[in-house]
PDB file of all heavy atoms in Angstrom:
ATOM      1  N   ASP A   1      82.183  80.564 114.954  1.00  0.00           N
ATOM      2  CA  ASP A   1      81.056  79.682 114.674  1.00  0.00           C
ATOM      3  C   ASP A   1      80.778  78.675 115.755  1.00  0.00           C
ATOM      4  O   ASP A   1      79.703  78.095 115.872  1.00  0.00           O
ATOM      5  CB  ASP A   1      81.280  78.925 113.359  1.00  0.00           C
ATOM      6  CG  ASP A   1      81.307  79.828 112.158  1.00  0.00           C
ATOM      7  OD1 ASP A   1      80.671  80.905 112.233  1.00  0.00           O
ATOM      8  OD2 ASP A   1      82.000  79.485 111.182  1.00  0.00           O
ATOM      9  N   GLY A   2      81.766  78.437 116.665  1.00  0.00           N
ATOM     10  CA  GLY A   2      81.563  77.484 117.738  1.00  0.00           C
ATOM     11  C   GLY A   2      81.704  76.000 117.229  1.00  0.00           C
ATOM     12  O   GLY A   2      82.450  75.728 116.315  1.00  0.00           O
ATOM     13  N   ILE A   3      80.914  75.116 117.837  1.00  0.00           N
ATOM     14  CA  ILE A   3      80.962  73.709 117.481  1.00  0.00           C
ATOM     15  C   ILE A   3      79.910  73.452 116.372  1.00  0.00           C
ATOM     16  O   ILE A   3      78.714  73.498 116.671  1.00  0.00           O
ATOM     17  CB  ILE A   3      80.689  72.785 118.728  1.00  0.00           C
ATOM     18  CG1 ILE A   3      81.609  73.214 119.878  1.00  0.00           C
ATOM     19  CG2 ILE A   3      80.933  71.339 118.359  1.00  0.00           C
ATOM     20  CD1 ILE A   3      81.250  72.543 121.171  1.00  0.00           C
ATOM     21  N   GLU A   4      80.343  73.176 115.235  1.00  0.00           N
ATOM     22  CA  GLU A   4      79.437  73.006 114.134  1.00  0.00           C
ATOM     23  C   GLU A   4      78.823  71.610 114.087  1.00  0.00           C
ATOM     24  O   GLU A   4      79.355  70.740 114.737  1.00  0.00           O
ATOM     25  CB  GLU A   4      80.161  73.329 112.794  1.00  0.00           C
ATOM     26  CG  GLU A   4      80.674  74.774 112.729  1.00  0.00           C
ATOM     27  CD  GLU A   4      81.347  75.092 111.410  1.00  0.00           C
ATOM     28  OE1 GLU A   4      81.618  74.184 110.674  1.00  0.00           O
ATOM     29  OE2 GLU A   4      81.620  76.260 111.162  1.00  0.00           O
ATOM     30  N   PRO A   5      77.741  71.437 113.310  1.00  0.00           N
ATOM     31  CA  PRO A   5      77.119  70.093 113.239  1.00  0.00           C
ATOM     32  C   PRO A   5      78.128  69.018 112.802  1.00  0.00           C
ATOM     33  O   PRO A   5      78.942  69.237 111.916  1.00  0.00           O
ATOM     34  CB  PRO A   5      76.021  70.308 112.180  1.00  0.00           C
ATOM     35  CG  PRO A   5      75.637  71.735 112.324  1.00  0.00           C
ATOM     36  CD  PRO A   5      76.949  72.462 112.597  1.00  0.00           C
ATOM     37  N   GLY A   6      78.094  67.878 113.468  1.00  0.00           N
ATOM     38  CA  GLY A   6      78.951  66.778 113.144  1.00  0.00           C
ATOM     39  C   GLY A   6      80.274  66.795 113.873  1.00  0.00           C
ATOM     40  O   GLY A   6      81.124  65.914 113.636  1.00  0.00           O
ATOM     41  N   PHE A   7      80.459  67.734 114.834  1.00  0.00           N
ATOM     42  CA  PHE A   7      81.710  67.877 115.549  1.00  0.00           C
ATOM     43  C   PHE A   7      81.472  67.941 117.059  1.00  0.00           C
ATOM     44  O   PHE A   7      80.352  68.180 117.525  1.00  0.00           O
ATOM     45  CB  PHE A   7      82.508  69.101 115.117  1.00  0.00           C
ATOM     46  CG  PHE A   7      83.006  68.990 113.686  1.00  0.00           C
ATOM     47  CD1 PHE A   7      82.204  69.352 112.626  1.00  0.00           C
ATOM     48  CD2 PHE A   7      84.276  68.568 113.408  1.00  0.00           C
ATOM     49  CE1 PHE A   7      82.691  69.256 111.306  1.00  0.00           C
ATOM     50  CE2 PHE A   7      84.768  68.462 112.165  1.00  0.00           C
ATOM     51  CZ  PHE A   7      83.963  68.808 111.100  1.00  0.00           C
ATOM     52  N   PHE A   8      82.542  67.778 117.800  1.00  0.00           N
ATOM     53  CA  PHE A   8      82.496  68.027 119.281  1.00  0.00           C
ATOM     54  C   PHE A   8      83.714  68.805 119.697  1.00  0.00           C
ATOM     55  O   PHE A   8      84.671  69.027 118.919  1.00  0.00           O
ATOM     56  CB  PHE A   8      82.423  66.645 120.036  1.00  0.00           C
ATOM     57  CG  PHE A   8      83.744  65.932 120.125  1.00  0.00           C
ATOM     58  CD1 PHE A   8      84.650  66.213 121.191  1.00  0.00           C
ATOM     59  CD2 PHE A   8      84.097  65.005 119.211  1.00  0.00           C
ATOM     60  CE1 PHE A   8      85.863  65.514 121.290  1.00  0.00           C
ATOM     61  CE2 PHE A   8      85.258  64.292 119.283  1.00  0.00           C
ATOM     62  CZ  PHE A   8      86.166  64.529 120.365  1.00  0.00           C
ATOM     63  N   GLN A   9      83.685  69.290 120.924  1.00  0.00           N
ATOM     64  CA  GLN A   9      84.792  70.037 121.466  1.00  0.00           C
ATOM     65  C   GLN A   9      85.063  69.595 122.895  1.00  0.00           C
ATOM     66  O   GLN A   9      84.075  69.302 123.629  1.00  0.00           O
ATOM     67  CB  GLN A   9      84.490  71.567 121.447  1.00  0.00           C
ATOM     68  CG  GLN A   9      85.527  72.442 122.099  1.00  0.00           C
ATOM     69  CD  GLN A   9      86.745  72.548 121.244  1.00  0.00           C
ATOM     70  OE1 GLN A   9      86.666  72.844 120.085  1.00  0.00           O
ATOM     71  NE2 GLN A   9      87.891  72.211 121.825  1.00  0.00           N
ATOM     72  N   LYS A  10      86.319  69.586 123.302  1.00  0.00           N
ATOM     73  CA  LYS A  10      86.629  69.314 124.720  1.00  0.00           C
ATOM     74  C   LYS A  10      87.134  70.567 125.349  1.00  0.00           C
ATOM     75  O   LYS A  10      87.897  71.332 124.820  1.00  0.00           O
ATOM     76  CB  LYS A  10      87.734  68.192 124.789  1.00  0.00           C
ATOM     77  CG  LYS A  10      87.147  66.782 124.936  1.00  0.00           C
ATOM     78  CD  LYS A  10      88.289  65.783 125.272  1.00  0.00           C
ATOM     79  CE  LYS A  10      87.729  64.424 125.620  1.00  0.00           C
ATOM     80  NZ  LYS A  10      88.769  63.500 125.982  1.00  0.00           N
ATOM     81  N   PHE A  11      86.704  70.743 126.646  1.00  0.00           N
ATOM     82  CA  PHE A  11      87.083  71.898 127.410  1.00  0.00           C
ATOM     83  C   PHE A  11      87.814  71.370 128.657  1.00  0.00           C
ATOM     84  O   PHE A  11      87.139  70.958 129.657  1.00  0.00           O
ATOM     85  CB  PHE A  11      85.858  72.707 127.744  1.00  0.00           C
ATOM     86  CG  PHE A  11      85.093  73.257 126.619  1.00  0.00           C
ATOM     87  CD1 PHE A  11      84.143  72.506 125.990  1.00  0.00           C
ATOM     88  CD2 PHE A  11      85.426  74.531 126.109  1.00  0.00           C
ATOM     89  CE1 PHE A  11      83.445  73.003 124.876  1.00  0.00           C
ATOM     90  CE2 PHE A  11      84.697  75.003 124.968  1.00  0.00           C
ATOM     91  CZ  PHE A  11      83.784  74.268 124.396  1.00  0.00           C
ATOM     92  N   PRO A  12      89.124  71.431 128.726  1.00  0.00           N
ATOM     93  CA  PRO A  12      89.898  70.915 129.851  1.00  0.00           C
ATOM     94  C   PRO A  12      89.963  71.880 131.025  1.00  0.00           C
ATOM     95  O   PRO A  12      90.083  73.105 130.824  1.00  0.00           O
ATOM     96  CB  PRO A  12      91.293  70.680 129.290  1.00  0.00           C
ATOM     97  CG  PRO A  12      91.161  70.813 127.802  1.00  0.00           C
ATOM     98  CD  PRO A  12      90.005  71.723 127.566  1.00  0.00           C
ATOM     99  N   VAL A  13      89.833  71.358 132.226  1.00  0.00           N
ATOM    100  CA  VAL A  13      89.937  72.156 133.445  1.00  0.00           C
ATOM    101  C   VAL A  13      90.764  71.379 134.509  1.00  0.00           C
ATOM    102  O   VAL A  13      90.510  70.193 134.718  1.00  0.00           O
ATOM    103  CB  VAL A  13      88.514  72.444 134.006  1.00  0.00           C
ATOM    104  CG1 VAL A  13      88.632  73.323 135.272  1.00  0.00           C
ATOM    105  CG2 VAL A  13      87.667  73.152 132.995  1.00  0.00           C
ATOM    106  N   SER A  14      91.686  72.063 135.114  1.00  0.00           N
ATOM    107  CA  SER A  14      92.479  71.473 136.227  1.00  0.00           C
ATOM    108  C   SER A  14      91.734  71.812 137.515  1.00  0.00           C
ATOM    109  O   SER A  14      91.417  72.979 137.783  1.00  0.00           O
ATOM    110  CB  SER A  14      93.894  71.984 136.252  1.00  0.00           C
ATOM    111  OG  SER A  14      94.557  71.513 137.426  1.00  0.00           O
ATOM    112  N   VAL A  15      91.437  70.827 138.349  1.00  0.00           N
ATOM    113  CA  VAL A  15      90.682  71.002 139.602  1.00  0.00           C
ATOM    114  C   VAL A  15      91.364  70.340 140.780  1.00  0.00           C
ATOM    115  O   VAL A  15      92.126  69.369 140.668  1.00  0.00           O
ATOM    116  CB  VAL A  15      89.235  70.510 139.445  1.00  0.00           C
ATOM    117  CG1 VAL A  15      88.510  71.203 138.341  1.00  0.00           C
ATOM    118  CG2 VAL A  15      89.209  69.022 139.291  1.00  0.00           C
ATOM    119  N   GLY A  16      91.065  70.824 141.955  1.00  0.00           N
ATOM    120  CA  GLY A  16      91.523  70.201 143.173  1.00  0.00           C
ATOM    121  C   GLY A  16      91.175  71.067 144.366  1.00  0.00           C
ATOM    122  O   GLY A  16      90.736  72.220 144.273  1.00  0.00           O
ATOM    123  N   THR A  17      91.339  70.592 145.626  1.00  0.00           N
ATOM    124  CA  THR A  17      91.550  69.184 145.789  1.00  0.00           C
ATOM    125  C   THR A  17      90.138  68.548 145.740  1.00  0.00           C
ATOM    126  O   THR A  17      89.159  69.091 146.158  1.00  0.00           O
ATOM    127  CB  THR A  17      92.162  68.850 147.126  1.00  0.00           C
ATOM    128  OG1 THR A  17      91.430  69.464 148.221  1.00  0.00           O
ATOM    129  CG2 THR A  17      93.626  69.356 147.193  1.00  0.00           C
ATOM    130  N   LEU A  18      90.117  67.296 145.262  1.00  0.00           N
ATOM    131  CA  LEU A  18      88.837  66.591 145.152  1.00  0.00           C
ATOM    132  C   LEU A  18      88.399  66.110 146.569  1.00  0.00           C
ATOM    133  O   LEU A  18      89.321  65.780 147.399  1.00  0.00           O
ATOM    134  CB  LEU A  18      89.002  65.376 144.232  1.00  0.00           C
ATOM    135  CG  LEU A  18      89.292  65.770 142.751  1.00  0.00           C
ATOM    136  CD1 LEU A  18      89.583  64.519 141.983  1.00  0.00           C
ATOM    137  CD2 LEU A  18      88.122  66.518 142.134  1.00  0.00           C
ATOM    138  N   PRO A  19      87.121  66.044 146.840  1.00  0.00           N
ATOM    139  CA  PRO A  19      86.693  65.701 148.210  1.00  0.00           C
ATOM    140  C   PRO A  19      87.040  64.253 148.511  1.00  0.00           C
ATOM    141  O   PRO A  19      87.101  63.424 147.657  1.00  0.00           O
ATOM    142  CB  PRO A  19      85.177  65.932 148.122  1.00  0.00           C
ATOM    143  CG  PRO A  19      84.807  65.758 146.666  1.00  0.00           C
ATOM    144  CD  PRO A  19      86.018  66.388 145.922  1.00  0.00           C
ATOM    145  N   GLU A  20      87.252  64.052 149.821  1.00  0.00           N
ATOM    146  CA  GLU A  20      87.552  62.662 150.275  1.00  0.00           C
ATOM    147  C   GLU A  20      86.270  61.948 150.825  1.00  0.00           C
ATOM    148  O   GLU A  20      86.307  60.759 151.073  1.00  0.00           O
ATOM    149  CB  GLU A  20      88.596  62.711 151.377  1.00  0.00           C
ATOM    150  CG  GLU A  20      89.918  63.315 150.935  1.00  0.00           C
ATOM    151  CD  GLU A  20      90.949  63.339 152.048  1.00  0.00           C
ATOM    152  OE1 GLU A  20      90.858  62.474 152.928  1.00  0.00           O
ATOM    153  OE2 GLU A  20      91.866  64.174 152.017  1.00  0.00           O
ATOM    154  N   ASP A  21      85.210  62.699 150.951  1.00  0.00           N
ATOM    155  CA  ASP A  21      83.978  62.143 151.514  1.00  0.00           C
ATOM    156  C   ASP A  21      82.865  62.023 150.471  1.00  0.00           C
ATOM    157  O   ASP A  21      81.697  62.113 150.822  1.00  0.00           O
ATOM    158  CB  ASP A  21      83.502  63.009 152.677  1.00  0.00           C
ATOM    159  CG  ASP A  21      83.271  64.460 152.273  1.00  0.00           C
ATOM    160  OD1 ASP A  21      83.651  64.850 151.192  1.00  0.00           O
ATOM    161  OD2 ASP A  21      82.661  65.212 153.105  1.00  0.00           O
ATOM    162  N   ALA A  22      83.227  61.885 149.233  1.00  0.00           N
ATOM    163  CA  ALA A  22      82.231  61.682 148.142  1.00  0.00           C
ATOM    164  C   ALA A  22      82.734  60.717 147.127  1.00  0.00           C
ATOM    165  O   ALA A  22      83.960  60.540 146.950  1.00  0.00           O
ATOM    166  CB  ALA A  22      81.925  63.057 147.480  1.00  0.00           C
ATOM    167  N   ASP A  23      81.806  59.995 146.486  1.00  0.00           N
ATOM    168  CA  ASP A  23      82.155  59.040 145.455  1.00  0.00           C
ATOM    169  C   ASP A  23      82.012  59.625 144.071  1.00  0.00           C
ATOM    170  O   ASP A  23      82.540  59.014 143.094  1.00  0.00           O
ATOM    171  CB  ASP A  23      81.270  57.784 145.592  1.00  0.00           C
ATOM    172  CG  ASP A  23      81.548  57.005 146.870  1.00  0.00           C
ATOM    173  OD1 ASP A  23      82.728  56.996 147.336  1.00  0.00           O
ATOM    174  OD2 ASP A  23      80.577  56.503 147.510  1.00  0.00           O
ATOM    175  N   GLU A  24      81.347  60.733 143.956  1.00  0.00           N
ATOM    176  CA  GLU A  24      81.103  61.339 142.640  1.00  0.00           C
ATOM    177  C   GLU A  24      80.767  62.843 142.798  1.00  0.00           C
ATOM    178  O   GLU A  24      80.340  63.248 143.896  1.00  0.00           O
ATOM    179  CB  GLU A  24      80.001  60.642 141.861  1.00  0.00           C
ATOM    180  CG  GLU A  24      78.637  60.692 142.532  1.00  0.00           C
ATOM    181  CD  GLU A  24      77.567  59.980 141.737  1.00  0.00           C
ATOM    182  OE1 GLU A  24      77.926  59.030 141.019  1.00  0.00           O
ATOM    183  OE2 GLU A  24      76.404  60.328 141.882  1.00  0.00           O
ATOM    184  N   LEU A  25      81.002  63.554 141.729  1.00  0.00           N
ATOM    185  CA  LEU A  25      80.660  64.951 141.682  1.00  0.00           C
ATOM    186  C   LEU A  25      79.735  65.170 140.468  1.00  0.00           C
ATOM    187  O   LEU A  25      79.992  64.685 139.421  1.00  0.00           O
ATOM    188  CB  LEU A  25      81.900  65.843 141.571  1.00  0.00           C
ATOM    189  CG  LEU A  25      82.895  65.853 142.765  1.00  0.00           C
ATOM    190  CD1 LEU A  25      84.080  66.731 142.448  1.00  0.00           C
ATOM    191  CD2 LEU A  25      82.161  66.342 144.054  1.00  0.00           C
ATOM    192  N   VAL A  26      78.681  66.004 140.678  1.00  0.00           N
ATOM    193  CA  VAL A  26      77.817  66.326 139.609  1.00  0.00           C
ATOM    194  C   VAL A  26      78.024  67.747 139.087  1.00  0.00           C
ATOM    195  O   VAL A  26      78.096  68.721 139.909  1.00  0.00           O
ATOM    196  CB  VAL A  26      76.296  66.191 140.091  1.00  0.00           C
ATOM    197  CG1 VAL A  26      75.338  66.590 138.940  1.00  0.00           C
ATOM    198  CG2 VAL A  26      76.073  64.782 140.541  1.00  0.00           C
ATOM    199  N   PHE A  27      78.204  67.910 137.796  1.00  0.00           N
ATOM    200  CA  PHE A  27      78.432  69.208 137.168  1.00  0.00           C
ATOM    201  C   PHE A  27      77.280  69.462 136.237  1.00  0.00           C
ATOM    202  O   PHE A  27      77.240  68.892 135.129  1.00  0.00           O
ATOM    203  CB  PHE A  27      79.746  69.223 136.397  1.00  0.00           C
ATOM    204  CG  PHE A  27      80.974  68.993 137.241  1.00  0.00           C
ATOM    205  CD1 PHE A  27      81.417  67.706 137.526  1.00  0.00           C
ATOM    206  CD2 PHE A  27      81.709  70.050 137.737  1.00  0.00           C
ATOM    207  CE1 PHE A  27      82.541  67.454 138.282  1.00  0.00           C
ATOM    208  CE2 PHE A  27      82.834  69.825 138.524  1.00  0.00           C
ATOM    209  CZ  PHE A  27      83.274  68.513 138.764  1.00  0.00           C
ATOM    210  N   LYS A  28      76.338  70.290 136.578  1.00  0.00           N
ATOM    211  CA  LYS A  28      75.232  70.623 135.685  1.00  0.00           C
ATOM    212  C   LYS A  28      75.680  71.563 134.567  1.00  0.00           C
ATOM    213  O   LYS A  28      76.551  72.415 134.785  1.00  0.00           O
ATOM    214  CB  LYS A  28      74.110  71.211 136.488  1.00  0.00           C
ATOM    215  CG  LYS A  28      73.506  70.254 137.524  1.00  0.00           C
ATOM    216  CD  LYS A  28      72.326  70.808 138.280  1.00  0.00           C
ATOM    217  CE  LYS A  28      71.734  69.807 139.230  1.00  0.00           C
ATOM    218  NZ  LYS A  28      70.553  70.323 139.948  1.00  0.00           N
ATOM    219  N   ALA A  29      75.161  71.335 133.407  1.00  0.00           N
ATOM    220  CA  ALA A  29      75.615  72.052 132.196  1.00  0.00           C
ATOM    221  C   ALA A  29      74.472  72.656 131.406  1.00  0.00           C
ATOM    222  O   ALA A  29      73.416  72.011 131.325  1.00  0.00           O
ATOM    223  CB  ALA A  29      76.458  71.147 131.338  1.00  0.00           C
ATOM    224  N   LEU A  30      74.698  73.799 130.850  1.00  0.00           N
ATOM    225  CA  LEU A  30      73.751  74.402 129.885  1.00  0.00           C
ATOM    226  C   LEU A  30      74.473  74.580 128.554  1.00  0.00           C
ATOM    227  O   LEU A  30      75.599  75.148 128.477  1.00  0.00           O
ATOM    228  CB  LEU A  30      73.271  75.767 130.333  1.00  0.00           C
ATOM    229  CG  LEU A  30      72.557  75.820 131.690  1.00  0.00           C
ATOM    230  CD1 LEU A  30      72.091  77.231 132.005  1.00  0.00           C
ATOM    231  CD2 LEU A  30      71.361  74.865 131.715  1.00  0.00           C
ATOM    232  N   GLN A  31      73.862  74.061 127.478  1.00  0.00           N
ATOM    233  CA  GLN A  31      74.457  74.108 126.148  1.00  0.00           C
ATOM    234  C   GLN A  31      73.554  75.037 125.266  1.00  0.00           C
ATOM    235  O   GLN A  31      72.435  74.739 125.070  1.00  0.00           O
ATOM    236  CB  GLN A  31      74.549  72.715 125.543  1.00  0.00           C
ATOM    237  CG  GLN A  31      75.173  72.657 124.151  1.00  0.00           C
ATOM    238  CD  GLN A  31      75.218  71.196 123.636  1.00  0.00           C
ATOM    239  OE1 GLN A  31      74.656  70.261 124.248  1.00  0.00           O
ATOM    240  NE2 GLN A  31      75.951  71.016 122.578  1.00  0.00           N
ATOM    241  N   THR A  32      74.176  76.087 124.768  1.00  0.00           N
ATOM    242  CA  THR A  32      73.384  77.060 123.949  1.00  0.00           C
ATOM    243  C   THR A  32      73.789  76.976 122.521  1.00  0.00           C
ATOM    244  O   THR A  32      74.963  76.895 122.206  1.00  0.00           O
ATOM    245  CB  THR A  32      73.630  78.502 124.508  1.00  0.00           C
ATOM    246  OG1 THR A  32      73.248  78.588 125.847  1.00  0.00           O
ATOM    247  CG2 THR A  32      72.817  79.516 123.676  1.00  0.00           C
ATOM    248  N   TYR A  33      72.812  76.943 121.653  1.00  0.00           N
ATOM    249  CA  TYR A  33      72.985  76.851 120.211  1.00  0.00           C
ATOM    250  C   TYR A  33      72.876  78.217 119.557  1.00  0.00           C
ATOM    251  O   TYR A  33      72.337  79.190 120.106  1.00  0.00           O
ATOM    252  CB  TYR A  33      72.037  75.868 119.583  1.00  0.00           C
ATOM    253  CG  TYR A  33      72.328  74.387 119.863  1.00  0.00           C
ATOM    254  CD1 TYR A  33      71.855  73.748 121.000  1.00  0.00           C
ATOM    255  CD2 TYR A  33      73.213  73.679 119.036  1.00  0.00           C
ATOM    256  CE1 TYR A  33      72.186  72.446 121.268  1.00  0.00           C
ATOM    257  CE2 TYR A  33      73.493  72.381 119.326  1.00  0.00           C
ATOM    258  CZ  TYR A  33      73.007  71.739 120.392  1.00  0.00           C
ATOM    259  OH  TYR A  33      73.282  70.446 120.678  1.00  0.00           O
ATOM    260  N   SER A  34      73.336  78.276 118.326  1.00  0.00           N
ATOM    261  CA  SER A  34      73.320  79.526 117.543  1.00  0.00           C
ATOM    262  C   SER A  34      71.889  79.981 117.263  1.00  0.00           C
ATOM    263  O   SER A  34      71.629  81.154 116.936  1.00  0.00           O
ATOM    264  CB  SER A  34      74.116  79.410 116.261  1.00  0.00           C
ATOM    265  OG  SER A  34      73.638  78.308 115.471  1.00  0.00           O
ATOM    266  N   ASN A  35      70.906  79.082 117.306  1.00  0.00           N
ATOM    267  CA  ASN A  35      69.516  79.450 117.092  1.00  0.00           C
ATOM    268  C   ASN A  35      68.803  79.846 118.385  1.00  0.00           C
ATOM    269  O   ASN A  35      67.579  79.913 118.426  1.00  0.00           O
ATOM    270  CB  ASN A  35      68.769  78.351 116.408  1.00  0.00           C
ATOM    271  CG  ASN A  35      68.761  77.050 117.215  1.00  0.00           C
ATOM    272  OD1 ASN A  35      69.261  77.010 118.337  1.00  0.00           O
ATOM    273  ND2 ASN A  35      68.224  75.979 116.703  1.00  0.00           N
ATOM    274  N   LYS A  36      69.606  80.028 119.482  1.00  0.00           N
ATOM    275  CA  LYS A  36      69.129  80.455 120.774  1.00  0.00           C
ATOM    276  C   LYS A  36      68.536  79.329 121.601  1.00  0.00           C
ATOM    277  O   LYS A  36      68.074  79.569 122.761  1.00  0.00           O
ATOM    278  CB  LYS A  36      68.106  81.644 120.716  1.00  0.00           C
ATOM    279  CG  LYS A  36      68.567  82.836 119.864  1.00  0.00           C
ATOM    280  CD  LYS A  36      69.858  83.365 120.410  1.00  0.00           C
ATOM    281  CE  LYS A  36      70.332  84.575 119.587  1.00  0.00           C
ATOM    282  NZ  LYS A  36      71.622  85.092 120.043  1.00  0.00           N
ATOM    283  N   GLU A  37      68.539  78.114 121.071  1.00  0.00           N
ATOM    284  CA  GLU A  37      68.051  77.010 121.875  1.00  0.00           C
ATOM    285  C   GLU A  37      69.003  76.697 122.993  1.00  0.00           C
ATOM    286  O   GLU A  37      70.205  76.749 122.808  1.00  0.00           O
ATOM    287  CB  GLU A  37      67.913  75.727 120.960  1.00  0.00           C
ATOM    288  CG  GLU A  37      67.469  74.483 121.725  1.00  0.00           C
ATOM    289  CD  GLU A  37      67.567  73.251 120.889  1.00  0.00           C
ATOM    290  OE1 GLU A  37      68.050  73.322 119.755  1.00  0.00           O
ATOM    291  OE2 GLU A  37      67.129  72.191 121.407  1.00  0.00           O
ATOM    292  N   VAL A  38      68.473  76.409 124.202  1.00  0.00           N
ATOM    293  CA  VAL A  38      69.309  76.049 125.339  1.00  0.00           C
ATOM    294  C   VAL A  38      68.921  74.659 125.797  1.00  0.00           C
ATOM    295  O   VAL A  38      67.741  74.405 126.095  1.00  0.00           O
ATOM    296  CB  VAL A  38      69.117  77.078 126.522  1.00  0.00           C
ATOM    297  CG1 VAL A  38      69.962  76.630 127.671  1.00  0.00           C
ATOM    298  CG2 VAL A  38      69.531  78.478 126.065  1.00  0.00           C
ATOM    299  N   VAL A  39      69.898  73.734 125.840  1.00  0.00           N
ATOM    300  CA  VAL A  39      69.658  72.424 126.306  1.00  0.00           C
ATOM    301  C   VAL A  39      70.256  72.326 127.724  1.00  0.00           C
ATOM    302  O   VAL A  39      71.448  72.611 127.961  1.00  0.00           O
ATOM    303  CB  VAL A  39      70.289  71.345 125.384  1.00  0.00           C
ATOM    304  CG1 VAL A  39      70.036  69.915 125.946  1.00  0.00           C
ATOM    305  CG2 VAL A  39      69.777  71.493 123.984  1.00  0.00           C
ATOM    306  N   ARG A  40      69.394  71.895 128.676  1.00  0.00           N
ATOM    307  CA  ARG A  40      69.827  71.882 130.081  1.00  0.00           C
ATOM    308  C   ARG A  40      70.149  70.474 130.489  1.00  0.00           C
ATOM    309  O   ARG A  40      69.302  69.640 130.717  1.00  0.00           O
ATOM    310  CB  ARG A  40      68.649  72.398 130.942  1.00  0.00           C
ATOM    311  CG  ARG A  40      68.265  73.866 130.554  1.00  0.00           C
ATOM    312  CD  ARG A  40      66.968  74.239 131.188  1.00  0.00           C
ATOM    313  NE  ARG A  40      67.037  74.234 132.647  1.00  0.00           N
ATOM    314  CZ  ARG A  40      67.488  75.276 133.382  1.00  0.00           C
ATOM    315  NH1 ARG A  40      67.932  76.357 132.785  1.00  0.00           N
ATOM    316  NH2 ARG A  40      67.525  75.174 134.691  1.00  0.00           N
ATOM    317  N   TRP A  41      71.469  70.209 130.587  1.00  0.00           N
ATOM    318  CA  TRP A  41      71.953  68.893 131.034  1.00  0.00           C
ATOM    319  C   TRP A  41      72.050  68.912 132.540  1.00  0.00           C
ATOM    320  O   TRP A  41      73.146  69.082 133.124  1.00  0.00           O
ATOM    321  CB  TRP A  41      73.284  68.569 130.371  1.00  0.00           C
ATOM    322  CG  TRP A  41      73.225  68.632 128.890  1.00  0.00           C
ATOM    323  CD1 TRP A  41      73.637  69.592 128.068  1.00  0.00           C
ATOM    324  CD2 TRP A  41      72.727  67.576 128.009  1.00  0.00           C
ATOM    325  NE1 TRP A  41      73.450  69.274 126.773  1.00  0.00           N
ATOM    326  CE2 TRP A  41      72.882  68.057 126.689  1.00  0.00           C
ATOM    327  CE3 TRP A  41      72.209  66.327 128.203  1.00  0.00           C
ATOM    328  CZ2 TRP A  41      72.526  67.308 125.559  1.00  0.00           C
ATOM    329  CZ3 TRP A  41      71.820  65.544 127.148  1.00  0.00           C
ATOM    330  CH2 TRP A  41      71.985  66.060 125.822  1.00  0.00           C
ATOM    331  N   ILE A  42      70.940  68.805 133.245  1.00  0.00           N
ATOM    332  CA  ILE A  42      70.900  69.039 134.700  1.00  0.00           C
ATOM    333  C   ILE A  42      70.266  67.890 135.501  1.00  0.00           C
ATOM    334  O   ILE A  42      70.151  67.968 136.716  1.00  0.00           O
ATOM    335  CB  ILE A  42      70.198  70.329 135.027  1.00  0.00           C
ATOM    336  CG1 ILE A  42      68.736  70.287 134.566  1.00  0.00           C
ATOM    337  CG2 ILE A  42      70.910  71.541 134.384  1.00  0.00           C
ATOM    338  CD1 ILE A  42      67.902  71.506 135.004  1.00  0.00           C
TER     339      ILE A  42
END
């Protein structure tokens, strides 16, 4: 069923090495629902 209404989920990822010449990193995300709706967090 995935993440049902009223809940959230965390997805952990280990990453490295982080850049030394940047203050932030942008991760664009697409969230797809069971009704085929896609929300673009970009």
